[in-house]
N, C-alpha and C. Protein backbone atom coordinates (compact mmCIF):
# COMPACT_ATOMS: atom_id res chain seq x y z
N MET A 1 -3.57 -9.93 -3.49
CA MET A 1 -4.32 -9.51 -4.63
C MET A 1 -5.00 -11.05 -5.25
N ALA A 2 -6.27 -11.09 -5.58
CA ALA A 2 -6.62 -12.01 -5.81
C ALA A 2 -7.46 -11.88 -6.82
N LYS A 3 -7.58 -13.00 -7.94
CA LYS A 3 -7.86 -12.67 -9.50
C LYS A 3 -9.36 -13.45 -9.34
N TYR A 4 -10.15 -12.98 -10.10
CA TYR A 4 -11.54 -13.24 -10.43
C TYR A 4 -11.83 -13.52 -12.04
N ASP A 5 -12.89 -14.48 -12.05
CA ASP A 5 -13.35 -14.29 -13.64
C ASP A 5 -14.91 -14.12 -13.79
N LEU A 6 -15.63 -13.46 -14.75
CA LEU A 6 -16.63 -13.59 -15.37
C LEU A 6 -17.00 -13.57 -16.13
N ASP A 7 -17.54 -14.72 -16.74
CA ASP A 7 -17.92 -14.88 -18.21
C ASP A 7 -19.32 -14.48 -18.73
N LEU A 8 -19.42 -13.33 -19.24
CA LEU A 8 -20.54 -12.72 -19.71
C LEU A 8 -21.04 -12.64 -21.22
N SER A 9 -20.56 -14.05 -21.64
CA SER A 9 -21.07 -14.20 -23.02
C SER A 9 -22.77 -14.39 -23.51
N GLY A 10 -22.84 -13.75 -24.04
CA GLY A 10 -24.34 -13.55 -24.41
C GLY A 10 -25.60 -12.64 -23.65
N VAL A 11 -24.35 -11.88 -22.64
CA VAL A 11 -25.28 -11.15 -22.03
C VAL A 11 -25.33 -9.52 -22.63
N PRO A 12 -26.72 -9.51 -22.81
CA PRO A 12 -27.15 -7.95 -23.27
C PRO A 12 -26.54 -6.59 -22.46
N CYS A 13 -26.34 -5.48 -22.91
CA CYS A 13 -26.01 -4.27 -22.03
C CYS A 13 -27.33 -4.11 -21.96
N PRO A 14 -28.03 -3.25 -21.09
CA PRO A 14 -26.50 -2.90 -19.92
C PRO A 14 -26.39 -3.76 -18.74
N ILE A 15 -26.97 -5.21 -18.98
CA ILE A 15 -27.16 -6.05 -18.14
C ILE A 15 -25.42 -6.70 -17.40
N ASN A 16 -24.67 -6.47 -18.84
CA ASN A 16 -23.36 -6.90 -18.50
C ASN A 16 -22.36 -6.07 -17.76
N PHE A 17 -22.80 -5.11 -17.60
CA PHE A 17 -22.11 -3.64 -17.07
C PHE A 17 -22.62 -4.20 -15.44
N VAL A 18 -24.11 -4.16 -15.42
CA VAL A 18 -24.47 -4.19 -13.86
C VAL A 18 -23.89 -5.24 -12.96
N LYS A 19 -23.75 -6.43 -13.65
CA LYS A 19 -23.17 -7.87 -13.41
C LYS A 19 -22.06 -7.23 -13.02
N THR A 20 -21.15 -6.55 -13.83
CA THR A 20 -19.38 -6.64 -13.52
C THR A 20 -19.08 -5.67 -12.32
N LYS A 21 -20.21 -4.78 -11.88
CA LYS A 21 -20.18 -4.07 -11.37
C LYS A 21 -20.40 -4.54 -10.07
N LEU A 22 -21.43 -5.26 -10.00
CA LEU A 22 -21.97 -5.94 -8.60
C LEU A 22 -20.80 -6.80 -8.20
N LYS A 23 -20.00 -7.37 -9.41
CA LYS A 23 -18.88 -8.66 -8.79
C LYS A 23 -18.14 -7.50 -8.43
N LEU A 24 -17.56 -6.38 -8.71
CA LEU A 24 -16.52 -5.64 -8.23
C LEU A 24 -16.65 -5.06 -7.17
N GLU A 25 -18.08 -4.77 -6.45
CA GLU A 25 -18.12 -4.52 -5.56
C GLU A 25 -17.61 -5.40 -4.25
N GLU A 26 -17.91 -6.72 -4.68
CA GLU A 26 -17.26 -8.02 -3.62
C GLU A 26 -15.91 -8.29 -3.67
N LEU A 27 -15.41 -7.65 -4.37
CA LEU A 27 -13.62 -7.53 -4.48
C LEU A 27 -13.17 -6.68 -3.39
N THR A 28 -11.76 -6.66 -3.13
CA THR A 28 -11.36 -5.64 -2.30
C THR A 28 -9.78 -4.70 -3.45
N SER A 29 -10.11 -3.77 -3.05
CA SER A 29 -8.86 -2.99 -3.39
C SER A 29 -7.83 -3.55 -3.87
N GLY A 30 -7.41 -3.38 -5.22
CA GLY A 30 -6.16 -4.18 -6.08
C GLY A 30 -6.70 -5.75 -6.70
N ASP A 31 -7.85 -5.99 -6.00
CA ASP A 31 -8.19 -7.64 -6.85
C ASP A 31 -8.53 -7.33 -8.10
N THR A 32 -8.30 -8.57 -9.15
CA THR A 32 -8.62 -8.14 -10.50
C THR A 32 -9.92 -9.12 -10.61
N LEU A 33 -10.33 -8.55 -11.90
CA LEU A 33 -11.49 -9.25 -12.16
C LEU A 33 -11.09 -9.34 -14.00
N GLU A 34 -11.35 -10.81 -14.44
CA GLU A 34 -11.31 -10.73 -15.69
C GLU A 34 -12.35 -10.99 -16.49
N VAL A 35 -13.09 -10.22 -17.39
CA VAL A 35 -14.51 -10.16 -18.04
C VAL A 35 -14.57 -10.61 -19.39
N LEU A 36 -15.23 -11.90 -19.50
CA LEU A 36 -15.23 -12.25 -21.24
C LEU A 36 -16.37 -11.56 -21.84
N LEU A 37 -16.57 -10.83 -22.89
CA LEU A 37 -17.55 -10.08 -23.21
C LEU A 37 -17.53 -10.33 -24.55
N ASP A 38 -18.91 -9.86 -25.05
CA ASP A 38 -18.82 -10.03 -26.63
C ASP A 38 -18.49 -8.52 -27.21
N ASP A 39 -18.52 -9.00 -28.65
CA ASP A 39 -18.02 -7.97 -29.82
C ASP A 39 -19.01 -6.94 -29.68
N GLY A 40 -18.92 -5.76 -30.31
CA GLY A 40 -19.94 -4.55 -30.06
C GLY A 40 -20.19 -3.75 -29.15
N GLU A 41 -21.45 -3.44 -28.83
CA GLU A 41 -21.79 -2.99 -27.77
C GLU A 41 -21.12 -3.14 -26.45
N PRO A 42 -21.25 -4.47 -25.87
CA PRO A 42 -20.64 -5.00 -24.79
C PRO A 42 -18.98 -4.39 -24.87
N ILE A 43 -18.44 -4.56 -25.40
CA ILE A 43 -16.76 -4.39 -25.47
C ILE A 43 -16.49 -2.90 -25.81
N SER A 44 -17.27 -2.18 -26.10
CA SER A 44 -17.29 -0.46 -26.34
C SER A 44 -17.78 0.37 -25.25
N SER A 45 -18.76 -0.45 -24.50
CA SER A 45 -19.27 -0.01 -23.66
C SER A 45 -18.87 -0.11 -22.02
N VAL A 46 -19.02 -1.42 -21.87
CA VAL A 46 -17.99 -2.20 -20.31
C VAL A 46 -17.21 -1.43 -19.81
N PRO A 47 -16.00 -1.46 -20.62
CA PRO A 47 -14.78 -0.85 -20.38
C PRO A 47 -14.70 0.55 -19.91
N ARG A 48 -15.83 1.17 -21.05
CA ARG A 48 -15.76 2.93 -20.44
C ARG A 48 -16.45 3.01 -19.65
N ALA A 49 -17.44 2.21 -18.91
CA ALA A 49 -18.39 2.50 -17.79
C ALA A 49 -17.45 1.96 -16.37
N VAL A 50 -16.56 0.86 -16.67
CA VAL A 50 -16.05 0.69 -15.55
C VAL A 50 -14.88 1.76 -15.27
N LYS A 51 -14.40 2.16 -16.17
CA LYS A 51 -13.57 3.55 -15.71
C LYS A 51 -14.33 4.70 -15.35
N ASP A 52 -15.41 4.79 -15.81
CA ASP A 52 -16.22 6.30 -15.17
C ASP A 52 -16.39 5.87 -13.55
N GLU A 53 -16.81 4.66 -12.95
CA GLU A 53 -16.76 4.04 -11.81
C GLU A 53 -15.34 4.27 -11.04
N GLY A 54 -14.24 4.76 -11.51
CA GLY A 54 -12.83 4.81 -11.02
C GLY A 54 -12.01 3.36 -11.11
N HIS A 55 -12.50 2.34 -11.65
CA HIS A 55 -11.50 1.27 -11.68
C HIS A 55 -10.45 1.31 -13.08
N LYS A 56 -9.32 0.28 -12.71
CA LYS A 56 -8.49 0.35 -13.77
C LYS A 56 -8.75 -0.65 -14.69
N VAL A 57 -8.78 0.05 -15.68
CA VAL A 57 -8.76 -1.23 -17.08
C VAL A 57 -7.38 -1.82 -17.89
N LEU A 58 -7.09 -2.83 -17.19
CA LEU A 58 -5.30 -3.40 -16.96
C LEU A 58 -5.40 -3.76 -18.68
N LYS A 59 -5.92 -4.60 -19.46
CA LYS A 59 -5.78 -5.06 -20.38
C LYS A 59 -7.17 -5.44 -20.98
N VAL A 60 -7.21 -5.27 -22.97
CA VAL A 60 -8.19 -5.53 -23.24
C VAL A 60 -7.87 -6.55 -24.53
N GLU A 61 -8.18 -8.01 -24.39
CA GLU A 61 -7.57 -8.87 -25.78
C GLU A 61 -8.16 -9.52 -26.30
N PRO A 62 -8.67 -9.80 -27.74
CA PRO A 62 -9.25 -10.12 -28.19
C PRO A 62 -9.19 -12.10 -27.76
N GLU A 63 -10.46 -12.82 -27.64
CA GLU A 63 -10.47 -13.92 -27.91
C GLU A 63 -11.46 -14.40 -28.71
N GLY A 64 -10.95 -15.37 -29.39
CA GLY A 64 -11.93 -15.42 -30.57
C GLY A 64 -12.92 -14.41 -31.12
N LYS A 65 -14.18 -14.42 -31.17
CA LYS A 65 -15.31 -13.90 -31.28
C LYS A 65 -15.59 -12.39 -29.97
N GLN A 66 -15.03 -13.12 -28.99
CA GLN A 66 -14.93 -12.23 -27.84
C GLN A 66 -13.95 -11.62 -27.56
N TYR A 67 -14.18 -10.76 -26.38
CA TYR A 67 -12.88 -10.10 -25.86
C TYR A 67 -12.54 -10.48 -24.37
N LYS A 68 -11.45 -10.77 -23.69
CA LYS A 68 -10.99 -10.78 -22.11
C LYS A 68 -10.74 -9.19 -21.61
N VAL A 69 -11.38 -8.74 -20.65
CA VAL A 69 -11.01 -7.46 -20.44
C VAL A 69 -10.57 -7.91 -18.85
N LEU A 70 -9.24 -7.29 -18.56
CA LEU A 70 -8.60 -7.15 -17.02
C LEU A 70 -8.96 -6.11 -16.56
N ILE A 71 -9.54 -6.00 -15.25
CA ILE A 71 -10.26 -4.92 -14.46
C ILE A 71 -9.53 -4.79 -12.95
N GLU A 72 -8.90 -3.96 -12.81
CA GLU A 72 -8.05 -3.84 -11.60
C GLU A 72 -9.41 -2.98 -10.39
N ARG A 73 -9.79 -3.62 -9.56
CA ARG A 73 -10.45 -2.74 -8.38
C ARG A 73 -9.96 -1.79 -7.97
N LYS A 74 -10.94 -0.64 -7.92
CA LYS A 74 -10.12 0.67 -7.13
C LYS A 74 -9.89 0.63 -5.81
């Protein structure tokens, strides 16, 4: 299982979800992706959309004014 990072600070919705989805498509099942998202719409939208795609959100934790979201690819 490999771990990848994606910094989406300052990236607006829905572009941040599109970039997350494209990165997840590059990974293999079981790989994890840690995404850095801004507060507000990004943190409320991206984890929900990722779950809707069938992936697993393992952790959401505050990181200053942003959030780290750990996602496992389905």
